[in-house]
Protein backbone atom coordinates (compact mmCIF):
# COMPACT_ATOMS: atom_id res chain seq x y z
CA MET A 1 0.00 0.00 0.00
CA GLU A 2 2.66 2.43 -1.16
CA PHE A 3 0.51 5.57 -1.47
CA PHE A 4 -0.47 5.22 2.19
CA GLY A 5 3.13 5.35 3.34
CA LYS A 6 3.95 8.32 1.12
CA LYS A 7 1.07 10.31 2.57
CA ILE A 8 2.21 9.63 6.12
CA GLU A 9 5.78 10.65 5.31
CA SER A 10 4.65 13.92 3.75
CA ASN A 11 2.05 14.99 6.32
CA LYS A 12 1.71 14.00 9.96
CA SER A 13 -1.81 15.33 10.45
CA LEU A 14 -3.85 12.93 8.33
CA ILE A 15 -7.59 12.51 8.81
CA ALA A 16 -9.85 9.69 7.62
CA VAL A 17 -13.64 9.74 7.58
CA LEU A 18 -15.27 6.37 8.25
CA ILE A 19 -18.40 5.66 6.21
CA ASP A 20 -20.70 2.85 7.30
CA PRO A 21 -22.75 1.75 4.24
CA ASP A 22 -25.61 0.82 6.58
CA LYS A 23 -25.93 4.46 7.62
CA THR A 24 -25.29 6.10 4.24
CA SER A 25 -27.62 4.27 1.89
CA GLU A 26 -29.10 7.19 -0.06
CA HIS A 27 -27.03 8.33 -3.03
CA SER A 28 -27.92 12.01 -2.52
CA ALA A 29 -26.80 11.85 1.11
CA LEU A 30 -23.52 10.23 0.05
CA GLN A 31 -22.93 12.93 -2.56
CA ASN A 32 -23.48 15.66 0.02
CA LEU A 33 -21.11 13.96 2.44
CA VAL A 34 -18.41 13.55 -0.21
CA LYS A 35 -18.62 17.23 -1.20
CA LYS A 36 -17.90 18.24 2.39
CA ILE A 37 -15.17 15.62 2.72
CA GLU A 38 -13.44 17.09 -0.32
CA PHE A 39 -13.93 20.65 0.94
CA ALA A 40 -12.29 19.68 4.24
CA ASN A 41 -9.29 18.15 2.40
CA ILE A 42 -9.80 14.81 4.13
CA ASP A 43 -6.97 12.41 3.30
CA PHE A 44 -8.80 9.06 3.26
CA ILE A 45 -12.31 7.67 3.19
CA PHE A 46 -12.54 4.43 5.18
CA ILE A 47 -15.49 2.20 4.34
CA GLY A 48 -16.86 -0.74 6.32
CA GLY A 49 -19.07 -1.82 9.18
CA SER A 50 -19.68 -4.66 11.60
CA SER A 51 -23.04 -5.75 10.18
CA VAL A 52 -23.01 -4.53 6.57
CA LYS A 53 -24.54 -6.72 3.87
CA GLU A 54 -22.19 -7.52 0.99
CA GLU A 55 -24.45 -5.91 -1.62
CA ASP A 56 -24.76 -2.70 0.42
CA PHE A 57 -21.00 -2.56 0.90
CA ASN A 58 -20.33 -3.00 -2.82
CA ARG A 59 -22.99 -0.47 -3.81
CA CYS A 60 -21.54 2.16 -1.48
CA LEU A 61 -18.00 1.48 -2.69
CA ASP A 62 -19.06 1.74 -6.35
CA ASN A 63 -20.81 5.04 -5.65
CA LEU A 64 -17.80 6.46 -3.81
CA LYS A 65 -15.37 5.55 -6.58
CA ALA A 66 -17.70 7.18 -9.12
CA ILE A 67 -17.93 10.54 -7.37
CA THR A 68 -14.59 11.22 -5.64
CA LYS A 69 -10.83 11.06 -6.08
CA VAL A 70 -10.22 10.85 -2.33
CA PRO A 71 -8.53 7.46 -1.68
CA VAL A 72 -11.11 4.91 -0.53
CA VAL A 73 -9.71 2.38 1.94
CA ILE A 74 -11.61 -0.70 3.16
CA PHE A 75 -11.93 -0.95 6.93
CA PRO A 76 -13.46 -4.44 6.90
CA GLY A 77 -16.06 -5.59 9.38
CA GLY A 78 -16.27 -9.07 7.91
CA PRO A 79 -14.80 -11.46 5.31
CA SER A 80 -17.16 -10.33 2.53
CA GLN A 81 -15.89 -6.75 2.60
CA VAL A 82 -13.12 -7.20 0.06
CA SER A 83 -12.94 -5.51 -3.35
CA LEU A 84 -10.34 -4.73 -5.98
CA LYS A 85 -12.16 -1.45 -6.68
CA ALA A 86 -10.89 0.15 -3.46
CA ASP A 87 -7.60 2.06 -3.39
CA GLY A 88 -6.42 0.11 -0.38
CA MET A 89 -7.46 -2.13 2.48
CA LEU A 90 -6.53 -2.42 6.13
CA LEU A 91 -5.96 -6.13 6.64
CA LEU A 92 -7.11 -6.13 10.24
CA SER A 93 -6.14 -8.66 12.88
CA LEU A 94 -7.89 -8.09 16.23
CA ILE A 95 -4.79 -8.59 18.36
CA SER A 96 -6.41 -7.25 21.55
CA GLY A 97 -8.83 -10.20 21.59
CA ARG A 98 -8.48 -13.95 21.52
CA ASN A 99 -11.25 -14.82 19.08
CA PRO A 100 -9.46 -16.86 16.37
CA ASP A 101 -11.97 -15.78 13.68
CA TYR A 102 -10.82 -12.16 14.02
CA LEU A 103 -7.15 -13.06 14.41
CA ILE A 104 -6.88 -15.30 11.32
CA GLY A 105 -10.12 -17.18 10.59
CA HIS A 106 -11.81 -14.56 8.43
CA HIS A 107 -8.53 -13.98 6.59
CA VAL A 108 -8.44 -17.66 5.64
CA GLN A 109 -12.01 -17.42 4.31
CA SER A 110 -11.06 -14.43 2.17
CA ALA A 111 -7.55 -15.58 1.18
CA PRO A 112 -8.15 -15.99 -2.60
CA LYS A 113 -9.62 -12.48 -2.86
CA LEU A 114 -7.00 -11.01 -0.55
CA LYS A 115 -4.22 -12.46 -2.71
CA GLU A 116 -5.55 -10.47 -5.67
CA LEU A 117 -5.43 -7.33 -3.50
CA LYS A 118 -1.91 -8.02 -2.26
CA GLU A 119 -0.33 -4.71 -3.35
CA LYS A 120 -3.18 -2.74 -1.78
CA LEU A 121 -3.12 -4.41 1.63
CA LEU A 122 -1.82 -2.86 4.84
CA PRO A 123 -1.54 -5.60 7.52
CA THR A 124 -2.82 -3.83 10.62
CA GLY A 125 -2.96 -4.81 14.27
CA TYR A 126 -6.37 -3.75 15.58
CA ILE A 127 -6.54 -2.95 19.30
CA LEU A 128 -9.93 -2.31 20.86
CA LEU A 129 -9.92 0.01 23.89
CA ASP A 130 -12.63 0.63 26.44
CA GLY A 131 -14.36 3.81 25.27
CA GLY A 132 -16.93 3.85 28.06
CA ASN A 133 -19.70 2.12 26.14
CA ASN A 134 -20.65 -1.31 24.81
CA SER A 135 -19.32 -1.09 21.25
CA ALA A 136 -20.62 -3.06 18.28
CA VAL A 137 -17.10 -4.37 17.62
CA ALA A 138 -16.82 -5.88 21.10
CA TYR A 139 -20.26 -7.45 20.81
CA ILE A 140 -19.85 -8.93 17.34
CA SER A 141 -16.24 -10.08 17.81
CA GLN A 142 -17.04 -11.44 21.28
CA THR A 143 -13.91 -9.88 22.70
CA SER A 144 -13.32 -7.56 25.65
CA PRO A 145 -11.75 -4.12 25.12
CA ILE A 146 -8.52 -3.26 26.91
CA PRO A 147 -9.15 -0.92 29.87
CA GLN A 148 -7.45 2.45 29.48
CA SER A 149 -6.63 2.33 33.19
CA ASN A 150 -4.04 -0.33 32.33
CA PRO A 151 -2.10 1.17 29.40
CA GLU A 152 0.72 -1.35 29.69
CA ILE A 153 -1.50 -4.04 28.15
CA ALA A 154 -2.24 -1.90 25.09
CA VAL A 155 1.40 -0.87 24.70
CA ASN A 156 2.70 -4.44 24.95
CA THR A 157 0.01 -5.65 22.56
CA ALA A 158 1.08 -3.05 20.00
CA ILE A 159 4.75 -3.96 20.42
CA ALA A 160 3.94 -7.64 19.93
CA GLY A 161 1.94 -6.80 16.81
CA GLU A 162 4.85 -4.91 15.27
CA LEU A 163 7.27 -7.71 16.14
CA LEU A 164 4.92 -10.17 14.41
CA GLY A 165 5.36 -8.13 11.23
CA LEU A 166 2.20 -6.02 11.17
CA LYS A 167 2.72 -2.76 9.25
CA ALA A 168 0.39 -0.48 11.24
CA ILE A 169 -1.40 -0.34 14.58
CA PHE A 170 -5.01 0.84 14.88
CA ILE A 171 -6.13 1.91 18.37
CA ASP A 172 -9.93 2.12 18.47
CA ALA A 173 -12.28 3.04 21.31
CA GLY A 174 -15.15 1.68 19.20
CA SER A 175 -18.15 3.12 17.43
CA GLY A 176 -20.05 5.64 19.54
CA ALA A 177 -17.35 5.75 22.22
CA HIS A 178 -17.91 8.25 25.02
CA HIS A 179 -14.20 9.00 25.07
CA SER A 180 -11.28 8.28 22.77
CA ALA A 181 -7.80 6.98 23.52
CA ASN A 182 -6.10 9.33 25.97
CA GLU A 183 -3.11 11.26 24.74
CA ASN A 184 -0.72 9.77 27.32
CA LEU A 185 -1.37 6.32 25.87
CA ILE A 186 -0.83 7.63 22.34
CA LYS A 187 2.46 9.23 23.39
CA ARG A 188 3.60 5.93 24.93
CA LEU A 189 2.66 4.01 21.82
CA ARG A 190 4.39 6.52 19.56
CA SER A 191 7.61 6.13 21.55
CA GLU A 192 7.46 2.32 21.53
CA ILE A 193 6.47 1.39 17.97
CA ASN A 194 7.91 2.34 14.59
CA VAL A 195 4.91 1.74 12.35
CA PRO A 196 2.02 4.10 11.51
CA LEU A 197 -0.37 4.68 14.41
CA ILE A 198 -4.05 5.03 13.54
CA VAL A 199 -6.48 6.26 16.21
CA GLY A 200 -10.29 6.19 16.11
CA GLY A 201 -13.38 6.15 18.27
CA GLY A 202 -14.80 8.99 20.36
CA VAL A 203 -13.19 11.85 18.39
CA LYS A 204 -15.84 14.54 18.76
CA SER A 205 -14.12 17.92 18.73
CA ILE A 206 -11.44 19.94 16.98
CA GLU A 207 -9.59 20.14 20.29
CA ARG A 208 -9.53 16.34 20.49
CA ILE A 209 -8.15 16.07 16.96
CA GLN A 210 -5.37 18.50 17.82
CA GLU A 211 -4.57 16.67 21.09
CA LEU A 212 -4.24 13.35 19.25
CA GLU A 213 -2.11 14.93 16.52
CA ASN A 214 0.20 16.46 19.13
CA ALA A 215 0.41 13.13 20.96
CA GLY A 216 1.70 11.42 17.79
CA ALA A 217 -1.25 9.84 15.96
CA ASP A 218 -0.45 9.47 12.27
CA ILE A 219 -4.07 9.08 11.17
CA ILE A 220 -7.18 10.10 13.09
CA VAL A 221 -10.43 8.38 12.12
CA ILE A 222 -13.76 10.14 12.59
CA GLY A 223 -17.09 8.37 12.13
CA ASN A 224 -20.02 8.86 14.50
CA LYS A 225 -19.43 12.59 15.02
CA ILE A 226 -19.89 13.24 11.30
CA GLU A 227 -22.94 10.98 11.17
CA GLU A 228 -24.45 13.14 13.92
CA ASP A 229 -23.22 16.49 12.58
CA ILE A 230 -22.02 16.57 8.99
CA ASP A 231 -21.03 20.22 9.36
CA PHE A 232 -18.23 19.14 11.70
CA LEU A 233 -16.36 18.70 8.42
CA LEU A 234 -16.57 22.47 7.94
CA ASP A 235 -14.84 22.94 11.30
CA ILE A 236 -12.12 20.53 10.16
CA ALA A 237 -11.80 22.50 6.92
CA SER A 238 -11.14 25.69 8.87
CA ILE A 239 -8.23 24.23 10.89
CA ARG A 240 -6.71 22.59 7.84
CA THR A 241 -6.87 25.87 5.89
CA THR A 242 -5.16 27.61 8.81
CA LYS A 243 -2.33 25.07 8.80
CA ILE A 244 -1.82 25.41 5.05
CA ASN A 245 -1.55 29.21 5.41
CA GLU A 246 0.91 29.07 8.34
């Protein structure tokens, strides 16, 4: 996934918007969202969801590729969410849990398709944190999130993931999280691992984005906040314009 690495090297304040096809089914709504994504100079569109039907996933991906040049990256919620039409794919392994399906089982099911996508894959260690709510990921994967009160577990899990050969680490407080990963944990992770650090879940303000950037997150993923308030993208646009002009 060469373009992904180049973007990280050239700009440390990358933002991805996560689109759940279940929640963005109308084409007009998707077009409106994409216009604001482009206006805000968002770096990536992530697409995926824990309970998305294959046909809905493919329809949403087709529509995105038809209306935007923003790189579309699959953030898979299941083995059917694989497509050559995407610009890239996070090959997720849920290393914070012990459910074999989410460590390797689903990858085995999808192996023939994944092999075709080989150059577009970014093997990613996925670490689920406690965001103060019962997340869909925890429920569907039947795994427990790591408590933020014990950061050593998350740090050691990330280190182990890198040593196993994973090319990125994704720290996620889960969909609808009441709070995101705290900046002290992000700083620890940034000092301990040498692969891109992606952070998502519970990012609900410009101040939070800036705190995570300053702590060392390479990519910040925003989902629920934009579903609730699409004009949050206009706030993001204002801070990104300010940075360009500085």
